[in-house]
N, C-alpha and C. Protein backbone atom coordinates (compact mmCIF):
# COMPACT_ATOMS: atom_id res chain seq x y z
N MET A 1 245.30 -26.08 132.07
CA MET A 1 246.63 -26.13 132.63
C MET A 1 247.65 -25.89 131.52
N ILE A 2 248.58 -25.00 131.78
CA ILE A 2 249.64 -24.68 130.82
C ILE A 2 250.92 -25.36 131.28
N ASP A 3 251.52 -26.20 130.42
CA ASP A 3 252.75 -26.84 130.86
C ASP A 3 253.94 -25.89 130.67
N GLU A 4 255.06 -26.27 131.26
CA GLU A 4 256.21 -25.37 131.30
C GLU A 4 256.80 -25.03 129.94
N GLY A 5 256.56 -25.84 128.93
CA GLY A 5 257.09 -25.57 127.60
C GLY A 5 256.19 -24.68 126.76
N SER A 6 255.07 -24.25 127.33
CA SER A 6 254.11 -23.43 126.60
C SER A 6 254.18 -21.99 127.07
N ARG A 7 253.61 -21.11 126.27
CA ARG A 7 253.50 -19.72 126.71
C ARG A 7 252.22 -19.13 126.15
N ILE A 8 251.74 -18.11 126.82
CA ILE A 8 250.50 -17.45 126.44
C ILE A 8 250.83 -16.15 125.72
N ILE A 9 250.15 -15.91 124.61
CA ILE A 9 250.27 -14.62 123.94
C ILE A 9 248.89 -13.97 123.92
N GLU A 10 248.89 -12.65 123.95
CA GLU A 10 247.63 -11.92 123.87
C GLU A 10 247.58 -11.14 122.57
N ILE A 11 246.43 -11.18 121.92
CA ILE A 11 246.23 -10.46 120.67
C ILE A 11 245.00 -9.59 120.83
N LYS A 12 245.17 -8.29 120.56
CA LYS A 12 244.05 -7.37 120.66
C LYS A 12 243.23 -7.41 119.39
N ASP A 13 241.92 -7.32 119.56
CA ASP A 13 240.99 -7.32 118.44
C ASP A 13 241.24 -6.07 117.60
N CYS A 14 241.47 -6.24 116.33
CA CYS A 14 241.81 -5.11 115.46
C CYS A 14 240.59 -4.29 115.04
N ARG A 15 239.40 -4.71 115.43
CA ARG A 15 238.19 -3.97 115.05
C ARG A 15 237.88 -2.83 116.02
N GLY A 16 238.76 -2.62 116.99
CA GLY A 16 238.57 -1.52 117.91
C GLY A 16 237.59 -1.81 119.04
N THR A 17 237.26 -3.07 119.27
CA THR A 17 236.31 -3.40 120.33
C THR A 17 236.97 -3.43 121.70
N GLY A 18 238.28 -3.47 121.72
CA GLY A 18 239.00 -3.56 123.00
C GLY A 18 239.15 -4.97 123.51
N ASP A 19 238.57 -5.94 122.79
CA ASP A 19 238.68 -7.33 123.21
C ASP A 19 240.12 -7.81 123.08
N VAL A 20 240.53 -8.66 124.00
CA VAL A 20 241.86 -9.26 123.95
C VAL A 20 241.67 -10.77 124.00
N PHE A 21 242.31 -11.46 123.07
CA PHE A 21 242.22 -12.91 123.00
C PHE A 21 243.54 -13.50 123.46
N GLN A 22 243.45 -14.57 124.23
CA GLN A 22 244.65 -15.26 124.70
C GLN A 22 244.80 -16.58 123.95
N TYR A 23 246.00 -16.83 123.51
CA TYR A 23 246.32 -18.07 122.81
C TYR A 23 247.48 -18.74 123.53
N VAL A 24 247.47 -20.04 123.54
CA VAL A 24 248.56 -20.80 124.15
C VAL A 24 249.42 -21.36 123.02
N LEU A 25 250.70 -21.06 123.06
CA LEU A 25 251.65 -21.64 122.12
C LEU A 25 252.30 -22.84 122.80
N GLN A 26 252.18 -24.00 122.19
CA GLN A 26 252.68 -25.22 122.79
C GLN A 26 253.64 -25.90 121.84
N ASN A 27 254.81 -26.25 122.33
CA ASN A 27 255.79 -26.98 121.55
C ASN A 27 255.68 -28.45 121.91
N VAL A 28 255.29 -29.28 120.95
CA VAL A 28 255.18 -30.72 121.21
C VAL A 28 256.37 -31.49 120.68
N GLY A 29 257.29 -30.80 120.03
CA GLY A 29 258.48 -31.46 119.54
C GLY A 29 258.69 -31.27 118.05
N THR A 30 259.66 -31.98 117.55
CA THR A 30 260.06 -31.88 116.15
C THR A 30 260.12 -33.27 115.55
N ALA A 31 259.65 -33.39 114.33
CA ALA A 31 259.75 -34.67 113.64
C ALA A 31 261.21 -34.95 113.31
N ALA A 32 261.66 -36.15 113.63
CA ALA A 32 263.05 -36.53 113.40
C ALA A 32 263.23 -37.11 112.00
N ASN A 33 264.43 -36.96 111.47
CA ASN A 33 264.83 -37.58 110.21
C ASN A 33 263.90 -37.26 109.04
N VAL A 34 263.61 -35.98 108.85
CA VAL A 34 262.75 -35.55 107.75
C VAL A 34 263.61 -35.22 106.54
N ASN A 35 263.28 -35.82 105.40
CA ASN A 35 263.96 -35.54 104.14
C ASN A 35 263.13 -34.49 103.39
N VAL A 36 263.51 -33.22 103.53
CA VAL A 36 262.72 -32.14 102.93
C VAL A 36 263.02 -32.03 101.44
N VAL A 37 261.97 -32.25 100.63
CA VAL A 37 262.07 -32.14 99.18
C VAL A 37 261.37 -30.87 98.72
N ASP A 38 260.19 -30.60 99.28
CA ASP A 38 259.38 -29.45 98.87
C ASP A 38 258.49 -29.04 100.03
N THR A 39 258.48 -27.76 100.38
CA THR A 39 257.66 -27.29 101.50
C THR A 39 256.26 -26.86 101.07
N THR A 40 255.99 -26.87 99.77
CA THR A 40 254.67 -26.48 99.29
C THR A 40 253.59 -27.35 99.93
N GLY A 41 252.61 -26.72 100.56
CA GLY A 41 251.49 -27.45 101.14
C GLY A 41 251.73 -27.98 102.54
N ALA A 42 252.89 -27.70 103.13
CA ALA A 42 253.18 -28.24 104.46
C ALA A 42 252.22 -27.69 105.51
N GLY A 43 251.90 -26.41 105.44
CA GLY A 43 250.96 -25.81 106.40
C GLY A 43 249.57 -26.39 106.24
N ASP A 44 249.13 -26.52 105.01
CA ASP A 44 247.81 -27.12 104.76
C ASP A 44 247.79 -28.58 105.23
N SER A 45 248.88 -29.28 105.04
CA SER A 45 248.98 -30.66 105.50
C SER A 45 248.88 -30.74 107.01
N PHE A 46 249.53 -29.79 107.68
CA PHE A 46 249.47 -29.74 109.14
C PHE A 46 248.03 -29.55 109.60
N ILE A 47 247.33 -28.58 109.01
CA ILE A 47 245.94 -28.31 109.38
C ILE A 47 245.07 -29.53 109.10
N GLY A 48 245.26 -30.15 107.93
CA GLY A 48 244.49 -31.36 107.60
C GLY A 48 244.76 -32.48 108.59
N GLY A 49 246.01 -32.65 108.98
CA GLY A 49 246.36 -33.67 109.97
C GLY A 49 245.73 -33.40 111.32
N PHE A 50 245.71 -32.13 111.71
CA PHE A 50 245.10 -31.75 112.99
C PHE A 50 243.60 -32.06 112.96
N LEU A 51 242.94 -31.70 111.86
CA LEU A 51 241.50 -31.95 111.74
C LEU A 51 241.20 -33.45 111.70
N PHE A 52 242.04 -34.21 110.99
CA PHE A 52 241.83 -35.66 110.93
C PHE A 52 241.98 -36.26 112.32
N ALA A 53 243.00 -35.83 113.05
CA ALA A 53 243.21 -36.35 114.41
C ALA A 53 242.04 -35.97 115.31
N SER A 54 241.49 -34.78 115.13
CA SER A 54 240.32 -34.36 115.90
C SER A 54 239.14 -35.29 115.64
N GLN A 55 238.92 -35.60 114.38
CA GLN A 55 237.83 -36.50 114.00
C GLN A 55 238.08 -37.91 114.51
N LEU A 56 239.32 -38.35 114.45
CA LEU A 56 239.68 -39.68 114.95
C LEU A 56 239.37 -39.78 116.45
N LEU A 57 239.69 -38.73 117.19
CA LEU A 57 239.40 -38.72 118.63
C LEU A 57 237.89 -38.74 118.91
N LEU A 58 237.12 -38.08 118.05
CA LEU A 58 235.67 -38.04 118.23
C LEU A 58 234.99 -39.36 117.91
N THR A 59 235.55 -40.10 116.97
CA THR A 59 234.87 -41.31 116.47
C THR A 59 235.43 -42.61 117.04
N THR A 60 236.40 -42.51 117.93
CA THR A 60 236.97 -43.72 118.53
C THR A 60 236.91 -43.59 120.04
N ASN A 61 237.25 -44.66 120.70
CA ASN A 61 237.27 -44.66 122.16
C ASN A 61 238.56 -44.00 122.63
N SER A 62 238.51 -42.69 122.81
CA SER A 62 239.71 -41.95 123.21
C SER A 62 239.59 -41.41 124.63
N ASP A 63 238.74 -42.03 125.44
CA ASP A 63 238.55 -41.59 126.82
C ASP A 63 239.81 -41.76 127.66
N MET A 64 240.75 -42.56 127.16
CA MET A 64 241.98 -42.79 127.92
C MET A 64 242.85 -41.53 127.97
N LEU A 65 242.61 -40.59 127.06
CA LEU A 65 243.41 -39.38 127.02
C LEU A 65 242.69 -38.23 127.71
N LYS A 66 243.43 -37.47 128.50
CA LYS A 66 242.88 -36.26 129.12
C LYS A 66 242.85 -35.16 128.06
N ASP A 67 242.16 -34.06 128.36
CA ASP A 67 242.03 -32.98 127.38
C ASP A 67 243.37 -32.49 126.85
N GLN A 68 244.33 -32.24 127.74
CA GLN A 68 245.64 -31.75 127.30
C GLN A 68 246.35 -32.81 126.46
N GLU A 69 246.19 -34.08 126.80
CA GLU A 69 246.80 -35.15 126.02
C GLU A 69 246.18 -35.25 124.63
N LYS A 70 244.89 -34.95 124.52
CA LYS A 70 244.23 -34.97 123.22
C LYS A 70 244.79 -33.87 122.32
N ILE A 71 245.00 -32.69 122.88
CA ILE A 71 245.57 -31.59 122.10
C ILE A 71 246.98 -31.95 121.66
N THR A 72 247.77 -32.51 122.57
CA THR A 72 249.13 -32.93 122.22
C THR A 72 249.11 -34.00 121.13
N PHE A 73 248.17 -34.95 121.24
CA PHE A 73 248.02 -35.98 120.21
C PHE A 73 247.73 -35.34 118.86
N GLN A 74 246.79 -34.40 118.82
CA GLN A 74 246.42 -33.73 117.58
C GLN A 74 247.62 -32.99 116.98
N LEU A 75 248.36 -32.29 117.81
CA LEU A 75 249.53 -31.53 117.32
C LEU A 75 250.62 -32.46 116.82
N ARG A 76 250.87 -33.56 117.53
CA ARG A 76 251.89 -34.51 117.08
C ARG A 76 251.49 -35.17 115.77
N PHE A 77 250.22 -35.57 115.68
CA PHE A 77 249.76 -36.20 114.44
C PHE A 77 249.88 -35.22 113.28
N ALA A 78 249.47 -33.97 113.50
CA ALA A 78 249.56 -32.94 112.46
C ALA A 78 251.02 -32.73 112.04
N SER A 79 251.92 -32.74 113.00
CA SER A 79 253.36 -32.59 112.69
C SER A 79 253.85 -33.76 111.85
N TRP A 80 253.40 -34.97 112.19
CA TRP A 80 253.81 -36.15 111.43
C TRP A 80 253.29 -36.07 109.99
N VAL A 81 252.03 -35.67 109.82
CA VAL A 81 251.47 -35.55 108.47
C VAL A 81 252.26 -34.53 107.66
N ALA A 82 252.53 -33.37 108.24
CA ALA A 82 253.28 -32.33 107.52
C ALA A 82 254.70 -32.81 107.20
N ALA A 83 255.34 -33.47 108.15
CA ALA A 83 256.70 -33.98 107.91
C ALA A 83 256.72 -35.03 106.82
N THR A 84 255.69 -35.88 106.78
CA THR A 84 255.58 -36.91 105.74
C THR A 84 255.40 -36.26 104.38
N LYS A 85 254.59 -35.21 104.31
CA LYS A 85 254.34 -34.49 103.06
C LYS A 85 255.61 -33.84 102.53
N LEU A 86 256.47 -33.35 103.44
CA LEU A 86 257.69 -32.65 103.03
C LEU A 86 258.61 -33.50 102.15
N SER A 87 258.48 -34.81 102.22
CA SER A 87 259.36 -35.68 101.45
C SER A 87 258.92 -35.86 100.00
N GLY A 88 257.80 -35.22 99.60
CA GLY A 88 257.33 -35.33 98.23
C GLY A 88 257.20 -33.98 97.56
N ARG A 89 257.11 -33.97 96.25
CA ARG A 89 256.97 -32.72 95.49
C ARG A 89 255.51 -32.31 95.39
N GLY A 90 255.31 -31.00 95.38
CA GLY A 90 253.96 -30.45 95.20
C GLY A 90 253.16 -30.45 96.49
N ALA A 91 251.99 -29.84 96.39
CA ALA A 91 251.15 -29.68 97.57
C ALA A 91 250.59 -31.00 98.09
N ARG A 92 250.43 -31.99 97.21
CA ARG A 92 249.83 -33.25 97.65
C ARG A 92 250.78 -34.44 97.56
N GLY A 93 252.02 -34.19 97.14
CA GLY A 93 252.97 -35.28 97.06
C GLY A 93 253.28 -35.86 98.42
N CYS A 94 253.16 -37.15 98.54
CA CYS A 94 253.48 -37.90 99.76
C CYS A 94 252.54 -37.65 100.93
N LEU A 95 251.35 -37.11 100.68
CA LEU A 95 250.39 -37.01 101.78
C LEU A 95 250.05 -38.42 102.24
N PRO A 96 250.07 -38.67 103.54
CA PRO A 96 249.82 -40.03 104.01
C PRO A 96 248.35 -40.43 103.86
N THR A 97 248.15 -41.65 103.46
CA THR A 97 246.81 -42.24 103.38
C THR A 97 246.54 -42.95 104.71
N TRP A 98 245.29 -43.37 104.91
CA TRP A 98 244.98 -44.12 106.11
C TRP A 98 245.78 -45.42 106.15
N GLN A 99 246.01 -46.03 104.99
CA GLN A 99 246.81 -47.26 104.95
C GLN A 99 248.24 -46.98 105.43
N LEU A 100 248.81 -45.85 105.04
CA LEU A 100 250.16 -45.49 105.49
C LEU A 100 250.17 -45.23 107.00
N VAL A 101 249.13 -44.56 107.48
CA VAL A 101 249.02 -44.31 108.93
C VAL A 101 249.01 -45.64 109.67
N LYS A 102 248.17 -46.59 109.21
CA LYS A 102 248.10 -47.89 109.87
C LYS A 102 249.43 -48.63 109.81
N THR A 103 250.13 -48.52 108.68
CA THR A 103 251.41 -49.21 108.51
C THR A 103 252.48 -48.65 109.45
N TYR A 104 252.58 -47.34 109.53
CA TYR A 104 253.66 -46.71 110.30
C TYR A 104 253.30 -46.39 111.74
N LEU A 105 252.02 -46.10 112.01
CA LEU A 105 251.65 -45.65 113.35
C LEU A 105 250.71 -46.60 114.08
N GLY A 106 249.93 -47.37 113.34
CA GLY A 106 248.94 -48.25 113.96
C GLY A 106 247.54 -47.80 113.60
N SER A 107 246.54 -48.49 114.13
CA SER A 107 245.16 -48.19 113.74
C SER A 107 244.29 -47.72 114.89
N THR A 108 244.83 -47.65 116.09
CA THR A 108 244.06 -47.16 117.23
C THR A 108 244.72 -45.90 117.78
N VAL A 109 243.93 -45.08 118.47
CA VAL A 109 244.48 -43.85 119.07
C VAL A 109 245.64 -44.20 120.00
N LYS A 110 245.49 -45.26 120.76
CA LYS A 110 246.54 -45.66 121.72
C LYS A 110 247.85 -46.00 121.02
N THR A 111 247.77 -46.82 119.96
CA THR A 111 249.01 -47.21 119.27
C THR A 111 249.59 -46.04 118.48
N ILE A 112 248.74 -45.22 117.88
CA ILE A 112 249.22 -44.05 117.14
C ILE A 112 249.90 -43.09 118.09
N ASP A 113 249.28 -42.85 119.24
CA ASP A 113 249.86 -41.93 120.23
C ASP A 113 251.22 -42.41 120.70
N LYS A 114 251.33 -43.70 120.99
CA LYS A 114 252.61 -44.26 121.47
C LYS A 114 253.70 -44.10 120.40
N LYS A 115 253.36 -44.40 119.17
CA LYS A 115 254.35 -44.29 118.08
C LYS A 115 254.74 -42.83 117.85
N LEU A 116 253.76 -41.93 117.90
CA LEU A 116 254.06 -40.50 117.70
C LEU A 116 254.99 -39.98 118.79
N GLN A 117 254.84 -40.49 120.00
CA GLN A 117 255.73 -40.07 121.08
C GLN A 117 257.17 -40.48 120.79
N GLU A 118 257.34 -41.58 120.08
CA GLU A 118 258.68 -42.03 119.70
C GLU A 118 259.23 -41.22 118.53
N ILE A 119 258.36 -40.86 117.58
CA ILE A 119 258.78 -40.20 116.35
C ILE A 119 259.02 -38.71 116.52
N ILE A 120 258.14 -38.05 117.26
CA ILE A 120 258.25 -36.61 117.44
C ILE A 120 259.11 -36.34 118.66
N CYS A 121 260.30 -35.82 118.42
CA CYS A 121 261.26 -35.56 119.50
C CYS A 121 260.80 -34.36 120.32
N SER A 122 260.74 -34.51 121.61
CA SER A 122 260.22 -33.45 122.46
C SER A 122 261.19 -32.28 122.61
N GLY A 123 262.44 -32.51 122.36
CA GLY A 123 263.41 -31.45 122.54
C GLY A 123 263.83 -31.30 124.00
N LYS A 124 263.20 -32.07 124.88
CA LYS A 124 263.57 -32.02 126.30
C LYS A 124 264.71 -32.98 126.55
N THR A 125 265.58 -32.62 127.44
CA THR A 125 266.72 -33.48 127.74
C THR A 125 266.52 -34.22 129.04
């Protein structure tokens, strides 16, 4: 299911096979009150946050979330990690540790998800 804030893009395979791949672009919001010091490593931080959230969902009781909610959780968590990193210098400055995650977001998927919904502004009015 594609929600109204998402859109589908098609990308043709550049190897000449004629294959077309569809991707869904989803906007989950923007991190509020970010003090940008250095953007170095922000993309890598986002990917790392997404992968960590994926692993967190696999290793905890996350049955309460539907598939689309899991993707939104992963994207919000990744956005929070990247936004947190932006406040420090260098590629690894201010990367959040698990202790920081527990302090600011909580230690369960449910509490982290609830806090991320508060932190990441949806942009919807």
